[in-house]
Amino acid sequence: MSDQGSSGSGSAQQAGRRGWLWWAFVVSLSLNLLVAGFFIGAKISHHGWRPWKDHGVSGFAHRLEGERQQLFRELAQSYKEHWRSFRRDIRNRQVEAVQLLKADPFDREKFVSALNEILAERVTARRSLSEQFLTMIDKMTPEERRAYAEWYEEWRGSRKR
């Protein structure tokens, strides 16, 4: 009987150790997966992308030196103010269109007219932005235009991943 009693307590000790090892394994695995997930998530979510302000000609201007960099930064800043007014106007027209949707009775003609005004404002804004872009491109030297094209391809490629 003494053999059975000692073997019974030995298996209880082994079961206690196995339970402890099992929980240590689960905690270790969880921590490893958490750390791996953190690094993988950081890599996937950032994948070489630069902050929002680092795009277009103003993003490229960081690669230029001295006066040229300052010239393009100032041009980009002046265009941003112009672009903000377009966005504000479009936003206001969208708010007006939403108010027309809420109105009872619904006036389809007014709503269609509001949508057409929003579309016209967007077209005007895009046209203005294109003209501003061309003005900046006209001010570039041939080397700067080639460098901009290469920078843009690199920037665009990193955003497609």
C-alpha atoms as a PDB file:
ATOM      1  CA  MET A   1       0.000   0.000   0.000  1.00  0.00           C
ATOM      2  CA  SER A   2       2.850   2.285   0.669  1.00  0.00           C
ATOM      3  CA  ASP A   3       3.919   1.945  -2.967  1.00  0.00           C
ATOM      4  CA  GLN A   4       0.546   3.041  -4.204  1.00  0.00           C
ATOM      5  CA  GLY A   5       0.426   6.002  -1.850  1.00  0.00           C
ATOM      6  CA  SER A   6       3.835   7.271  -2.928  1.00  0.00           C
ATOM      7  CA  SER A   7       3.141   6.735  -6.606  1.00  0.00           C
ATOM      8  CA  GLY A   8      -0.181   8.541  -6.250  1.00  0.00           C
ATOM      9  CA  SER A   9       1.430  11.592  -4.703  1.00  0.00           C
ATOM     10  CA  GLY A  10       4.206  11.501  -7.349  1.00  0.00           C
ATOM     11  CA  SER A  11       1.715  11.627 -10.188  1.00  0.00           C
ATOM     12  CA  ALA A  12      -0.073  14.492  -8.443  1.00  0.00           C
ATOM     13  CA  GLN A  13       3.224  16.356  -8.313  1.00  0.00           C
ATOM     14  CA  GLN A  14       3.846  15.622 -12.003  1.00  0.00           C
ATOM     15  CA  ALA A  15       0.351  16.816 -12.863  1.00  0.00           C
ATOM     16  CA  GLY A  16       0.997  20.008 -10.885  1.00  0.00           C
ATOM     17  CA  ARG A  17       4.244  20.577 -12.775  1.00  0.00           C
ATOM     18  CA  ARG A  18       2.616  19.888 -16.103  1.00  0.00           C
ATOM     19  CA  GLY A  19      -0.163  22.349 -15.292  1.00  0.00           C
ATOM     20  CA  TRP A  20       2.380  24.995 -14.395  1.00  0.00           C
ATOM     21  CA  LEU A  21       4.407  24.297 -17.574  1.00  0.00           C
ATOM     22  CA  TRP A  22       1.248  24.424 -19.649  1.00  0.00           C
ATOM     23  CA  TRP A  23       0.334  27.890 -18.361  1.00  0.00           C
ATOM     24  CA  ALA A  24       3.914  29.110 -18.788  1.00  0.00           C
ATOM     25  CA  PHE A  25       3.804  27.868 -22.385  1.00  0.00           C
ATOM     26  CA  VAL A  26       0.475  29.630 -23.055  1.00  0.00           C
ATOM     27  CA  VAL A  27       1.704  32.921 -21.558  1.00  0.00           C
ATOM     28  CA  SER A  28       5.005  32.724 -23.470  1.00  0.00           C
ATOM     29  CA  LEU A  29       3.258  31.950 -26.740  1.00  0.00           C
ATOM     30  CA  SER A  30       0.779  34.794 -26.200  1.00  0.00           C
ATOM     31  CA  LEU A  31       3.557  37.289 -25.537  1.00  0.00           C
ATOM     32  CA  ASN A  32       5.505  36.107 -28.583  1.00  0.00           C
ATOM     33  CA  LEU A  33       2.443  36.435 -30.811  1.00  0.00           C
ATOM     34  CA  LEU A  34       1.710  39.870 -29.373  1.00  0.00           C
ATOM     35  CA  VAL A  35       5.237  41.112 -30.093  1.00  0.00           C
ATOM     36  CA  ALA A  36       5.298  39.529 -33.559  1.00  0.00           C
ATOM     37  CA  GLY A  37       1.877  41.012 -34.332  1.00  0.00           C
ATOM     38  CA  PHE A  38       3.065  44.438 -33.239  1.00  0.00           C
ATOM     39  CA  PHE A  39       6.044  44.382 -35.606  1.00  0.00           C
ATOM     40  CA  ILE A  40       4.164  42.818 -38.506  1.00  0.00           C
ATOM     41  CA  GLY A  41       1.303  45.289 -38.082  1.00  0.00           C
ATOM     42  CA  ALA A  42       3.711  48.219 -38.015  1.00  0.00           C
ATOM     43  CA  LYS A  43       5.373  46.992 -41.200  1.00  0.00           C
ATOM     44  CA  ILE A  44       2.087  46.408 -43.004  1.00  0.00           C
ATOM     45  CA  SER A  45       0.465  49.669 -41.981  1.00  0.00           C
ATOM     46  CA  HIS A  46       3.440  51.935 -42.709  1.00  0.00           C
ATOM     47  CA  HIS A  47       5.220  50.166 -45.595  1.00  0.00           C
ATOM     48  CA  GLY A  48       7.385  53.134 -46.503  1.00  0.00           C
ATOM     49  CA  TRP A  49       4.563  55.642 -46.687  1.00  0.00           C
ATOM     50  CA  ARG A  50       5.393  59.196 -45.759  1.00  0.00           C
ATOM     51  CA  PRO A  51       3.197  61.658 -43.897  1.00  0.00           C
ATOM     52  CA  TRP A  52       0.328  63.252 -45.817  1.00  0.00           C
ATOM     53  CA  LYS A  53       2.126  66.557 -46.186  1.00  0.00           C
ATOM     54  CA  ASP A  54       4.993  64.882 -48.025  1.00  0.00           C
ATOM     55  CA  HIS A  55       3.338  64.533 -51.436  1.00  0.00           C
ATOM     56  CA  GLY A  56       3.177  66.432 -54.707  1.00  0.00           C
ATOM     57  CA  VAL A  57       5.646  69.140 -55.606  1.00  0.00           C
ATOM     58  CA  SER A  58       5.881  70.336 -52.001  1.00  0.00           C
ATOM     59  CA  GLY A  59       7.018  66.843 -50.957  1.00  0.00           C
ATOM     60  CA  PHE A  60       9.572  66.836 -53.747  1.00  0.00           C
ATOM     61  CA  ALA A  61      10.831  70.281 -52.678  1.00  0.00           C
ATOM     62  CA  HIS A  62      12.445  68.684 -49.616  1.00  0.00           C
ATOM     63  CA  ARG A  63      15.007  67.154 -51.960  1.00  0.00           C
ATOM     64  CA  LEU A  64      15.974  70.502 -53.454  1.00  0.00           C
ATOM     65  CA  GLU A  65      18.514  72.870 -51.984  1.00  0.00           C
ATOM     66  CA  GLY A  66      18.473  76.486 -50.873  1.00  0.00           C
ATOM     67  CA  GLU A  67      16.529  79.025 -52.928  1.00  0.00           C
ATOM     68  CA  ARG A  68      14.864  76.417 -55.134  1.00  0.00           C
ATOM     69  CA  GLN A  69      13.460  74.611 -52.126  1.00  0.00           C
ATOM     70  CA  GLN A  70      12.199  77.877 -50.655  1.00  0.00           C
ATOM     71  CA  LEU A  71      10.612  78.921 -53.983  1.00  0.00           C
ATOM     72  CA  PHE A  72       8.589  75.721 -54.331  1.00  0.00           C
ATOM     73  CA  ARG A  73       7.582  75.688 -50.676  1.00  0.00           C
ATOM     74  CA  GLU A  74       6.270  79.251 -50.942  1.00  0.00           C
ATOM     75  CA  LEU A  75       4.381  78.456 -54.149  1.00  0.00           C
ATOM     76  CA  ALA A  76       2.871  75.348 -52.588  1.00  0.00           C
ATOM     77  CA  GLN A  77       1.844  77.300 -49.492  1.00  0.00           C
ATOM     78  CA  SER A  78       0.124  80.011 -51.525  1.00  0.00           C
ATOM     79  CA  TYR A  79      -1.719  77.362 -53.535  1.00  0.00           C
ATOM     80  CA  LYS A  80      -2.831  75.602 -50.354  1.00  0.00           C
ATOM     81  CA  GLU A  81      -4.711  78.717 -49.261  1.00  0.00           C
ATOM     82  CA  HIS A  82      -6.410  78.885 -52.667  1.00  0.00           C
ATOM     83  CA  TRP A  83      -7.264  75.178 -52.519  1.00  0.00           C
ATOM     84  CA  ARG A  84      -8.701  75.505 -48.996  1.00  0.00           C
ATOM     85  CA  SER A  85     -11.214  78.081 -50.204  1.00  0.00           C
ATOM     86  CA  PHE A  86     -12.358  75.668 -52.934  1.00  0.00           C
ATOM     87  CA  ARG A  87     -12.764  72.863 -50.410  1.00  0.00           C
ATOM     88  CA  ARG A  88     -14.690  75.156 -48.068  1.00  0.00           C
ATOM     89  CA  ASP A  89     -17.057  76.186 -50.888  1.00  0.00           C
ATOM     90  CA  ILE A  90     -17.613  72.570 -51.912  1.00  0.00           C
ATOM     91  CA  ARG A  91     -18.290  71.572 -48.304  1.00  0.00           C
ATOM     92  CA  ASN A  92     -20.818  74.400 -47.919  1.00  0.00           C
ATOM     93  CA  ARG A  93     -22.603  73.343 -51.100  1.00  0.00           C
ATOM     94  CA  GLN A  94     -22.714  69.748 -49.846  1.00  0.00           C
ATOM     95  CA  VAL A  95     -24.296  70.905 -46.584  1.00  0.00           C
ATOM     96  CA  GLU A  96     -26.909  72.795 -48.602  1.00  0.00           C
ATOM     97  CA  ALA A  97     -27.592  69.665 -50.671  1.00  0.00           C
ATOM     98  CA  VAL A  98     -28.098  67.614 -47.511  1.00  0.00           C
ATOM     99  CA  GLN A  99     -30.570  70.224 -46.251  1.00  0.00           C
ATOM    100  CA  LEU A 100     -32.480  69.841 -49.515  1.00  0.00           C
ATOM    101  CA  LEU A 101     -32.616  66.083 -48.905  1.00  0.00           C
ATOM    102  CA  LYS A 102     -34.139  66.673 -45.478  1.00  0.00           C
ATOM    103  CA  ALA A 103     -36.757  69.125 -46.757  1.00  0.00           C
ATOM    104  CA  ASP A 104     -40.340  68.009 -46.911  1.00  0.00           C
ATOM    105  CA  PRO A 105     -41.647  68.029 -49.585  1.00  0.00           C
ATOM    106  CA  PHE A 106     -38.558  66.968 -51.505  1.00  0.00           C
ATOM    107  CA  ASP A 107     -37.808  69.272 -54.449  1.00  0.00           C
ATOM    108  CA  ARG A 108     -35.978  67.143 -56.989  1.00  0.00           C
ATOM    109  CA  GLU A 109     -35.168  70.079 -59.285  1.00  0.00           C
ATOM    110  CA  LYS A 110     -33.426  72.049 -56.531  1.00  0.00           C
ATOM    111  CA  PHE A 111     -31.515  68.948 -55.433  1.00  0.00           C
ATOM    112  CA  VAL A 112     -30.311  68.196 -58.969  1.00  0.00           C
ATOM    113  CA  SER A 113     -29.308  71.842 -59.330  1.00  0.00           C
ATOM    114  CA  ALA A 114     -27.336  71.660 -56.055  1.00  0.00           C
ATOM    115  CA  LEU A 115     -25.543  68.503 -57.233  1.00  0.00           C
ATOM    116  CA  ASN A 116     -24.664  70.187 -60.527  1.00  0.00           C
ATOM    117  CA  GLU A 117     -23.258  73.185 -58.635  1.00  0.00           C
ATOM    118  CA  ILE A 118     -21.092  70.856 -56.526  1.00  0.00           C
ATOM    119  CA  LEU A 119     -19.854  69.132 -59.666  1.00  0.00           C
ATOM    120  CA  ALA A 120     -19.074  72.451 -61.359  1.00  0.00           C
ATOM    121  CA  GLU A 121     -17.189  73.650 -58.260  1.00  0.00           C
ATOM    122  CA  ARG A 122     -15.141  70.430 -58.180  1.00  0.00           C
ATOM    123  CA  VAL A 123     -14.274  70.754 -61.862  1.00  0.00           C
ATOM    124  CA  THR A 124     -13.241  74.380 -61.340  1.00  0.00           C
ATOM    125  CA  ALA A 125     -11.109  73.390 -58.344  1.00  0.00           C
ATOM    126  CA  ARG A 126      -9.386  70.568 -60.253  1.00  0.00           C
ATOM    127  CA  ARG A 127      -8.747  72.827 -63.225  1.00  0.00           C
ATOM    128  CA  SER A 128      -7.229  75.451 -60.921  1.00  0.00           C
ATOM    129  CA  LEU A 129      -5.067  72.823 -59.221  1.00  0.00           C
ATOM    130  CA  SER A 130      -3.826  71.584 -62.599  1.00  0.00           C
ATOM    131  CA  GLU A 131      -2.946  75.125 -63.658  1.00  0.00           C
ATOM    132  CA  GLN A 132      -1.059  75.683 -60.409  1.00  0.00           C
ATOM    133  CA  PHE A 133       0.787  72.406 -60.895  1.00  0.00           C
ATOM    134  CA  LEU A 134       1.774  73.424 -64.431  1.00  0.00           C
ATOM    135  CA  THR A 135       3.015  76.779 -63.126  1.00  0.00           C
ATOM    136  CA  MET A 136       5.277  74.949 -60.694  1.00  0.00           C
ATOM    137  CA  ILE A 137       6.479  72.539 -63.383  1.00  0.00           C
ATOM    138  CA  ASP A 138       7.256  75.490 -65.687  1.00  0.00           C
ATOM    139  CA  LYS A 139       9.530  76.912 -62.994  1.00  0.00           C
ATOM    140  CA  MET A 140      11.558  73.684 -62.781  1.00  0.00           C
ATOM    141  CA  THR A 141      14.797  73.118 -64.613  1.00  0.00           C
ATOM    142  CA  PRO A 142      14.988  70.077 -66.934  1.00  0.00           C
ATOM    143  CA  GLU A 143      17.024  68.225 -64.280  1.00  0.00           C
ATOM    144  CA  GLU A 144      14.444  69.052 -61.618  1.00  0.00           C
ATOM    145  CA  ARG A 145      11.614  67.825 -63.852  1.00  0.00           C
ATOM    146  CA  ARG A 146      13.409  64.514 -64.423  1.00  0.00           C
ATOM    147  CA  ALA A 147      14.147  64.221 -60.707  1.00  0.00           C
ATOM    148  CA  TYR A 148      10.498  65.028 -59.927  1.00  0.00           C
ATOM    149  CA  ALA A 149       9.300  62.345 -62.361  1.00  0.00           C
ATOM    150  CA  GLU A 150      11.596  59.777 -60.728  1.00  0.00           C
ATOM    151  CA  TRP A 151      10.534  60.892 -57.246  1.00  0.00           C
ATOM    152  CA  TYR A 152       6.872  60.656 -58.233  1.00  0.00           C
ATOM    153  CA  GLU A 153       7.274  57.138 -59.647  1.00  0.00           C
ATOM    154  CA  GLU A 154       9.025  56.068 -56.448  1.00  0.00           C
ATOM    155  CA  TRP A 155       6.401  57.747 -54.257  1.00  0.00           C
ATOM    156  CA  ARG A 156       3.518  56.327 -56.282  1.00  0.00           C
ATOM    157  CA  GLY A 157       5.043  52.852 -56.258  1.00  0.00           C
ATOM    158  CA  SER A 158       5.332  52.851 -52.479  1.00  0.00           C
ATOM    159  CA  ARG A 159       1.649  53.821 -52.179  1.00  0.00           C
ATOM    160  CA  LYS A 160       0.444  50.956 -54.415  1.00  0.00           C
ATOM    161  CA  ARG A 161       1.677  48.158 -52.135  1.00  0.00           C
END
